[in-house]
C-alpha atoms as a PDB file:
ATOM      1  CA  UNK A   1       8.317  23.109   3.106  1.00  0.00           C
ATOM      2  CA  UNK A   2      11.847  23.148   4.561  1.00  0.00           C
ATOM      3  CA  UNK A   3      14.960  24.348   2.770  1.00  0.00           C
ATOM      4  CA  UNK A   4      15.801  22.787  -0.510  1.00  0.00           C
ATOM      5  CA  UNK A   5      19.174  21.326  -0.731  1.00  0.00           C
ATOM      6  CA  UNK A   6      21.558  23.333  -2.852  1.00  0.00           C
ATOM      7  CA  UNK A   7      24.405  20.886  -2.334  1.00  0.00           C
ATOM      8  CA  UNK A   8      24.162  17.255  -1.704  1.00  0.00           C
ATOM      9  CA  UNK A   9      27.448  16.592   0.187  1.00  0.00           C
ATOM     10  CA  UNK A  10      26.927  18.539   3.479  1.00  0.00           C
ATOM     11  CA  UNK A  11      28.867  16.310   5.710  1.00  0.00           C
ATOM     12  CA  UNK A  12      26.377  17.294   8.666  1.00  0.00           C
ATOM     13  CA  UNK A  13      25.262  13.605   8.780  1.00  0.00           C
ATOM     14  CA  UNK A  14      28.854  12.291   9.581  1.00  0.00           C
ATOM     15  CA  UNK A  15      27.917  12.189  13.235  1.00  0.00           C
ATOM     16  CA  UNK A  16      25.037   9.688  12.891  1.00  0.00           C
ATOM     17  CA  UNK A  17      22.244  12.282  12.763  1.00  0.00           C
ATOM     18  CA  UNK A  18      20.121  13.851  10.218  1.00  0.00           C
ATOM     19  CA  UNK A  19      17.901  16.845  10.047  1.00  0.00           C
ATOM     20  CA  UNK A  20      14.175  16.944  10.262  1.00  0.00           C
ATOM     21  CA  UNK A  21      12.049  19.494   8.307  1.00  0.00           C
ATOM     22  CA  UNK A  22      11.504  21.521  11.471  1.00  0.00           C
ATOM     23  CA  UNK A  23      15.246  21.964  11.945  1.00  0.00           C
ATOM     24  CA  UNK A  24      15.775  19.271  14.728  1.00  0.00           C
ATOM     25  CA  UNK A  25      18.494  16.712  14.359  1.00  0.00           C
ATOM     26  CA  UNK A  26      17.716  12.987  15.144  1.00  0.00           C
ATOM     27  CA  UNK A  27      19.567   9.759  15.123  1.00  0.00           C
ATOM     28  CA  UNK A  28      19.576   8.185  11.579  1.00  0.00           C
ATOM     29  CA  UNK A  29      18.401   4.870  13.171  1.00  0.00           C
ATOM     30  CA  UNK A  30      15.312   6.597  14.804  1.00  0.00           C
ATOM     31  CA  UNK A  31      11.872   5.064  14.117  1.00  0.00           C
ATOM     32  CA  UNK A  32      10.871   8.356  12.311  1.00  0.00           C
ATOM     33  CA  UNK A  33      13.920   8.159   9.903  1.00  0.00           C
ATOM     34  CA  UNK A  34      13.333   4.433   9.331  1.00  0.00           C
ATOM     35  CA  UNK A  35       9.753   5.257   8.419  1.00  0.00           C
ATOM     36  CA  UNK A  36      10.927   7.992   5.992  1.00  0.00           C
ATOM     37  CA  UNK A  37      13.390   5.521   4.488  1.00  0.00           C
ATOM     38  CA  UNK A  38      10.857   2.871   4.117  1.00  0.00           C
ATOM     39  CA  UNK A  39       8.587   5.202   2.269  1.00  0.00           C
ATOM     40  CA  UNK A  40      11.610   6.434   0.069  1.00  0.00           C
ATOM     41  CA  UNK A  41      12.377   2.705  -0.730  1.00  0.00           C
ATOM     42  CA  UNK A  42       8.814   2.071  -1.763  1.00  0.00           C
ATOM     43  CA  UNK A  43       8.939   5.215  -3.948  1.00  0.00           C
ATOM     44  CA  UNK A  44      11.989   3.753  -5.643  1.00  0.00           C
ATOM     45  CA  UNK A  45      10.524   0.338  -6.243  1.00  0.00           C
ATOM     46  CA  UNK A  46       7.577   1.970  -7.881  1.00  0.00           C
ATOM     47  CA  UNK A  47       9.964   3.825 -10.029  1.00  0.00           C
ATOM     48  CA  UNK A  48      11.455   0.425 -11.132  1.00  0.00           C
ATOM     49  CA  UNK A  49       7.950  -0.923 -11.836  1.00  0.00           C
ATOM     50  CA  UNK A  50       7.176   2.139 -13.939  1.00  0.00           C
ATOM     51  CA  UNK A  51      10.077   0.949 -16.186  1.00  0.00           C
ATOM     52  CA  UNK A  52       7.845  -1.920 -17.418  1.00  0.00           C
ATOM     53  CA  UNK A  53       5.212  -1.965 -20.005  1.00  0.00           C
ATOM     54  CA  UNK A  54       1.722  -1.387 -18.463  1.00  0.00           C
ATOM     55  CA  UNK A  55      -1.603   0.331 -19.466  1.00  0.00           C
ATOM     56  CA  UNK A  56      -1.680   4.181 -19.484  1.00  0.00           C
ATOM     57  CA  UNK A  57      -4.298   4.222 -16.546  1.00  0.00           C
ATOM     58  CA  UNK A  58      -2.058   2.104 -14.245  1.00  0.00           C
ATOM     59  CA  UNK A  59       1.035   4.142 -15.174  1.00  0.00           C
ATOM     60  CA  UNK A  60      -0.947   7.433 -14.343  1.00  0.00           C
ATOM     61  CA  UNK A  61      -2.012   5.985 -11.083  1.00  0.00           C
ATOM     62  CA  UNK A  62       1.457   4.863 -10.102  1.00  0.00           C
ATOM     63  CA  UNK A  63       2.848   8.296 -10.949  1.00  0.00           C
ATOM     64  CA  UNK A  64       0.279   9.953  -8.845  1.00  0.00           C
ATOM     65  CA  UNK A  65       1.047   7.499  -5.911  1.00  0.00           C
ATOM     66  CA  UNK A  66       4.926   8.521  -6.391  1.00  0.00           C
ATOM     67  CA  UNK A  67       3.977  12.158  -5.778  1.00  0.00           C
ATOM     68  CA  UNK A  68       1.826  11.237  -2.764  1.00  0.00           C
ATOM     69  CA  UNK A  69       4.672   9.116  -1.437  1.00  0.00           C
ATOM     70  CA  UNK A  70       6.923  12.165  -1.703  1.00  0.00           C
ATOM     71  CA  UNK A  71       4.439  14.170   0.145  1.00  0.00           C
ATOM     72  CA  UNK A  72       4.089  11.461   2.862  1.00  0.00           C
ATOM     73  CA  UNK A  73       7.858  11.333   3.266  1.00  0.00           C
ATOM     74  CA  UNK A  74       7.550  15.190   3.872  1.00  0.00           C
ATOM     75  CA  UNK A  75       4.844  14.811   6.305  1.00  0.00           C
ATOM     76  CA  UNK A  76       6.913  12.248   8.195  1.00  0.00           C
ATOM     77  CA  UNK A  77       9.895  14.671   8.101  1.00  0.00           C
ATOM     78  CA  UNK A  78       8.108  17.667   9.566  1.00  0.00           C
ATOM     79  CA  UNK A  79       6.544  16.415  12.902  1.00  0.00           C
ATOM     80  CA  UNK A  80       2.989  17.881  13.270  1.00  0.00           C
ATOM     81  CA  UNK A  81       2.716  18.664   9.597  1.00  0.00           C
ATOM     82  CA  UNK A  82      -0.024  17.330   7.444  1.00  0.00           C
ATOM     83  CA  UNK A  83       0.308  16.860   3.637  1.00  0.00           C
ATOM     84  CA  UNK A  84      -2.063  13.925   2.922  1.00  0.00           C
ATOM     85  CA  UNK A  85      -5.800  14.042   3.571  1.00  0.00           C
ATOM     86  CA  UNK A  86      -9.082  12.471   2.931  1.00  0.00           C
ATOM     87  CA  UNK A  87      -9.066  13.129  -0.882  1.00  0.00           C
ATOM     88  CA  UNK A  88      -5.848  10.956  -1.034  1.00  0.00           C
ATOM     89  CA  UNK A  89      -7.530   8.014   0.550  1.00  0.00           C
ATOM     90  CA  UNK A  90     -10.630   8.549  -1.493  1.00  0.00           C
ATOM     91  CA  UNK A  91      -8.666   8.438  -4.714  1.00  0.00           C
ATOM     92  CA  UNK A  92      -6.970   5.085  -3.517  1.00  0.00           C
ATOM     93  CA  UNK A  93     -10.470   3.696  -2.712  1.00  0.00           C
ATOM     94  CA  UNK A  94     -11.824   4.879  -6.102  1.00  0.00           C
ATOM     95  CA  UNK A  95      -8.954   3.090  -7.956  1.00  0.00           C
ATOM     96  CA  UNK A  96      -9.434  -0.024  -5.759  1.00  0.00           C
ATOM     97  CA  UNK A  97     -13.092  -0.125  -6.597  1.00  0.00           C
ATOM     98  CA  UNK A  98     -12.580   0.323 -10.381  1.00  0.00           C
ATOM     99  CA  UNK A  99      -9.700  -2.220 -10.709  1.00  0.00           C
ATOM    100  CA  UNK A 100     -11.345  -4.785  -8.475  1.00  0.00           C
ATOM    101  CA  UNK A 101     -14.524  -4.574 -10.714  1.00  0.00           C
ATOM    102  CA  UNK A 102     -12.521  -5.838 -13.601  1.00  0.00           C
ATOM    103  CA  UNK A 103     -10.950  -8.852 -11.809  1.00  0.00           C
ATOM    104  CA  UNK A 104     -12.487 -12.261 -11.193  1.00  0.00           C
ATOM    105  CA  UNK A 105     -13.023 -13.078  -7.503  1.00  0.00           C
ATOM    106  CA  UNK A 106     -10.249 -14.853  -5.725  1.00  0.00           C
ATOM    107  CA  UNK A 107     -10.860 -18.339  -4.533  1.00  0.00           C
ATOM    108  CA  UNK A 108      -7.359 -19.176  -3.777  1.00  0.00           C
ATOM    109  CA  UNK A 109      -4.255 -17.347  -2.368  1.00  0.00           C
ATOM    110  CA  UNK A 110      -2.020 -16.093  -5.091  1.00  0.00           C
ATOM    111  CA  UNK A 111       1.645 -16.180  -5.241  1.00  0.00           C
ATOM    112  CA  UNK A 112       3.807 -13.217  -6.245  1.00  0.00           C
ATOM    113  CA  UNK A 113       4.586 -13.515  -9.920  1.00  0.00           C
ATOM    114  CA  UNK A 114       3.213 -13.977 -13.297  1.00  0.00           C
ATOM    115  CA  UNK A 115       4.562 -11.111 -15.476  1.00  0.00           C
ATOM    116  CA  UNK A 116       7.788  -9.176 -14.541  1.00  0.00           C
ATOM    117  CA  UNK A 117       5.572  -6.080 -13.930  1.00  0.00           C
ATOM    118  CA  UNK A 118       3.094  -7.981 -11.618  1.00  0.00           C
ATOM    119  CA  UNK A 119       6.131  -9.530  -9.638  1.00  0.00           C
ATOM    120  CA  UNK A 120       7.555  -6.079  -9.188  1.00  0.00           C
ATOM    121  CA  UNK A 121       4.075  -4.813  -8.003  1.00  0.00           C
ATOM    122  CA  UNK A 122       4.214  -7.482  -5.342  1.00  0.00           C
ATOM    123  CA  UNK A 123       7.693  -6.381  -4.322  1.00  0.00           C
ATOM    124  CA  UNK A 124       6.178  -2.779  -3.886  1.00  0.00           C
ATOM    125  CA  UNK A 125       3.364  -4.302  -1.913  1.00  0.00           C
ATOM    126  CA  UNK A 126       5.718  -6.045   0.625  1.00  0.00           C
ATOM    127  CA  UNK A 127       7.785  -2.880   1.038  1.00  0.00           C
ATOM    128  CA  UNK A 128       4.616  -1.013   1.573  1.00  0.00           C
ATOM    129  CA  UNK A 129       3.517  -3.328   4.231  1.00  0.00           C
ATOM    130  CA  UNK A 130       6.961  -2.792   5.881  1.00  0.00           C
ATOM    131  CA  UNK A 131       6.478   0.984   5.742  1.00  0.00           C
ATOM    132  CA  UNK A 132       3.123   0.531   7.425  1.00  0.00           C
ATOM    133  CA  UNK A 133       4.593  -1.484  10.232  1.00  0.00           C
ATOM    134  CA  UNK A 134       7.319   1.128  10.798  1.00  0.00           C
ATOM    135  CA  UNK A 135       4.639   3.950  10.805  1.00  0.00           C
ATOM    136  CA  UNK A 136       2.605   1.985  13.364  1.00  0.00           C
ATOM    137  CA  UNK A 137       5.744   1.657  15.463  1.00  0.00           C
ATOM    138  CA  UNK A 138       6.313   5.394  15.053  1.00  0.00           C
ATOM    139  CA  UNK A 139       2.732   5.970  16.298  1.00  0.00           C
ATOM    140  CA  UNK A 140       3.632   4.084  19.376  1.00  0.00           C
ATOM    141  CA  UNK A 141       6.481   6.306  20.135  1.00  0.00           C
ATOM    142  CA  UNK A 142       5.263   9.747  18.939  1.00  0.00           C
ATOM    143  CA  UNK A 143       2.018  11.500  18.173  1.00  0.00           C
ATOM    144  CA  UNK A 144       1.235  11.041  14.505  1.00  0.00           C
ATOM    145  CA  UNK A 145      -1.508  11.816  12.229  1.00  0.00           C
ATOM    146  CA  UNK A 146      -3.535   8.582  11.165  1.00  0.00           C
ATOM    147  CA  UNK A 147      -3.290   9.403   7.473  1.00  0.00           C
ATOM    148  CA  UNK A 148       0.138   8.070   6.943  1.00  0.00           C
ATOM    149  CA  UNK A 149      -0.876   4.659   8.242  1.00  0.00           C
ATOM    150  CA  UNK A 150      -4.258   4.635   6.589  1.00  0.00           C
ATOM    151  CA  UNK A 151      -2.645   5.607   3.196  1.00  0.00           C
ATOM    152  CA  UNK A 152      -0.072   2.985   3.154  1.00  0.00           C
ATOM    153  CA  UNK A 153      -2.497   0.342   4.288  1.00  0.00           C
ATOM    154  CA  UNK A 154      -4.919   1.136   1.307  1.00  0.00           C
ATOM    155  CA  UNK A 155      -1.866   1.486  -1.024  1.00  0.00           C
ATOM    156  CA  UNK A 156      -0.690  -2.064  -0.172  1.00  0.00           C
ATOM    157  CA  UNK A 157      -4.194  -3.332  -1.197  1.00  0.00           C
ATOM    158  CA  UNK A 158      -3.979  -1.315  -4.361  1.00  0.00           C
ATOM    159  CA  UNK A 159      -0.500  -2.677  -5.248  1.00  0.00           C
ATOM    160  CA  UNK A 160      -1.878  -6.294  -4.751  1.00  0.00           C
ATOM    161  CA  UNK A 161      -4.721  -5.520  -7.105  1.00  0.00           C
ATOM    162  CA  UNK A 162      -2.546  -3.821  -9.649  1.00  0.00           C
ATOM    163  CA  UNK A 163      -0.326  -6.803  -9.675  1.00  0.00           C
ATOM    164  CA  UNK A 164      -3.454  -8.897 -10.794  1.00  0.00           C
ATOM    165  CA  UNK A 165      -4.302  -6.168 -13.272  1.00  0.00           C
ATOM    166  CA  UNK A 166      -0.753  -6.236 -14.623  1.00  0.00           C
ATOM    167  CA  UNK A 167      -0.867 -10.017 -15.055  1.00  0.00           C
ATOM    168  CA  UNK A 168      -3.984  -9.725 -17.188  1.00  0.00           C
ATOM    169  CA  UNK A 169      -2.824  -6.833 -19.218  1.00  0.00           C
ATOM    170  CA  UNK A 170       0.246  -9.042 -20.205  1.00  0.00           C
ATOM    171  CA  UNK A 171      -1.932 -11.871 -21.291  1.00  0.00           C
ATOM    172  CA  UNK A 172      -1.288 -13.797 -18.240  1.00  0.00           C
ATOM    173  CA  UNK A 173      -3.191 -14.704 -15.088  1.00  0.00           C
ATOM    174  CA  UNK A 174      -2.673 -14.962 -11.179  1.00  0.00           C
ATOM    175  CA  UNK A 175      -0.227 -17.570  -9.996  1.00  0.00           C
ATOM    176  CA  UNK A 176      -2.325 -19.655  -7.640  1.00  0.00           C
ATOM    177  CA  UNK A 177      -1.028 -21.195  -4.475  1.00  0.00           C
ATOM    178  CA  UNK A 178      -1.728 -24.913  -4.406  1.00  0.00           C
ATOM    179  CA  UNK A 179      -2.284 -25.925  -0.864  1.00  0.00           C
ATOM    180  CA  UNK A 180      -2.682 -29.657  -1.779  1.00  0.00           C
ATOM    181  CA  UNK A 181       0.472 -30.428  -3.785  1.00  0.00           C
ATOM    182  CA  UNK A 182       2.770 -33.452  -3.642  1.00  0.00           C
ATOM    183  CA  UNK A 183       6.363 -32.904  -2.257  1.00  0.00           C
ATOM    184  CA  UNK A 184       9.004 -35.016  -3.801  1.00  0.00           C
END
């Protein structure tokens, strides 16, 4: 890991650049910094979601994801460095299999909503998808390990599934999209 900050106001970014973990300075609007910011924003939204009531196993999974996202930010901050691996993907896949097994099959699209916790999980999902798009853009510009892209792709699926789980745990259900509705 790079140096830990001992003070927060360094003023080194006043020129529109920021430091990477390898010591290089890059523009704050670079694709790499945008990807790091999107991952950080996702982690913050998950923090807000964790303020809601939810089953203990969902809470534990989301806390583990927060730690993974911090590691992912570190991986993006240090070009060429790897922090996430196949065990991280396997854990997401395991949660997906376990939670999907408890849910009824979808026959319609669902809308973001239901309980407040489920709605927040959907916000997390959409931010996760944005982070994925930014990571894909970064891959086009620089060499990047495939794991960040794969992790956020699986994570967005998990967040969708957890939104469904959270609706059920609150006594609710999915909010279905009605494709044949009257418009007045």
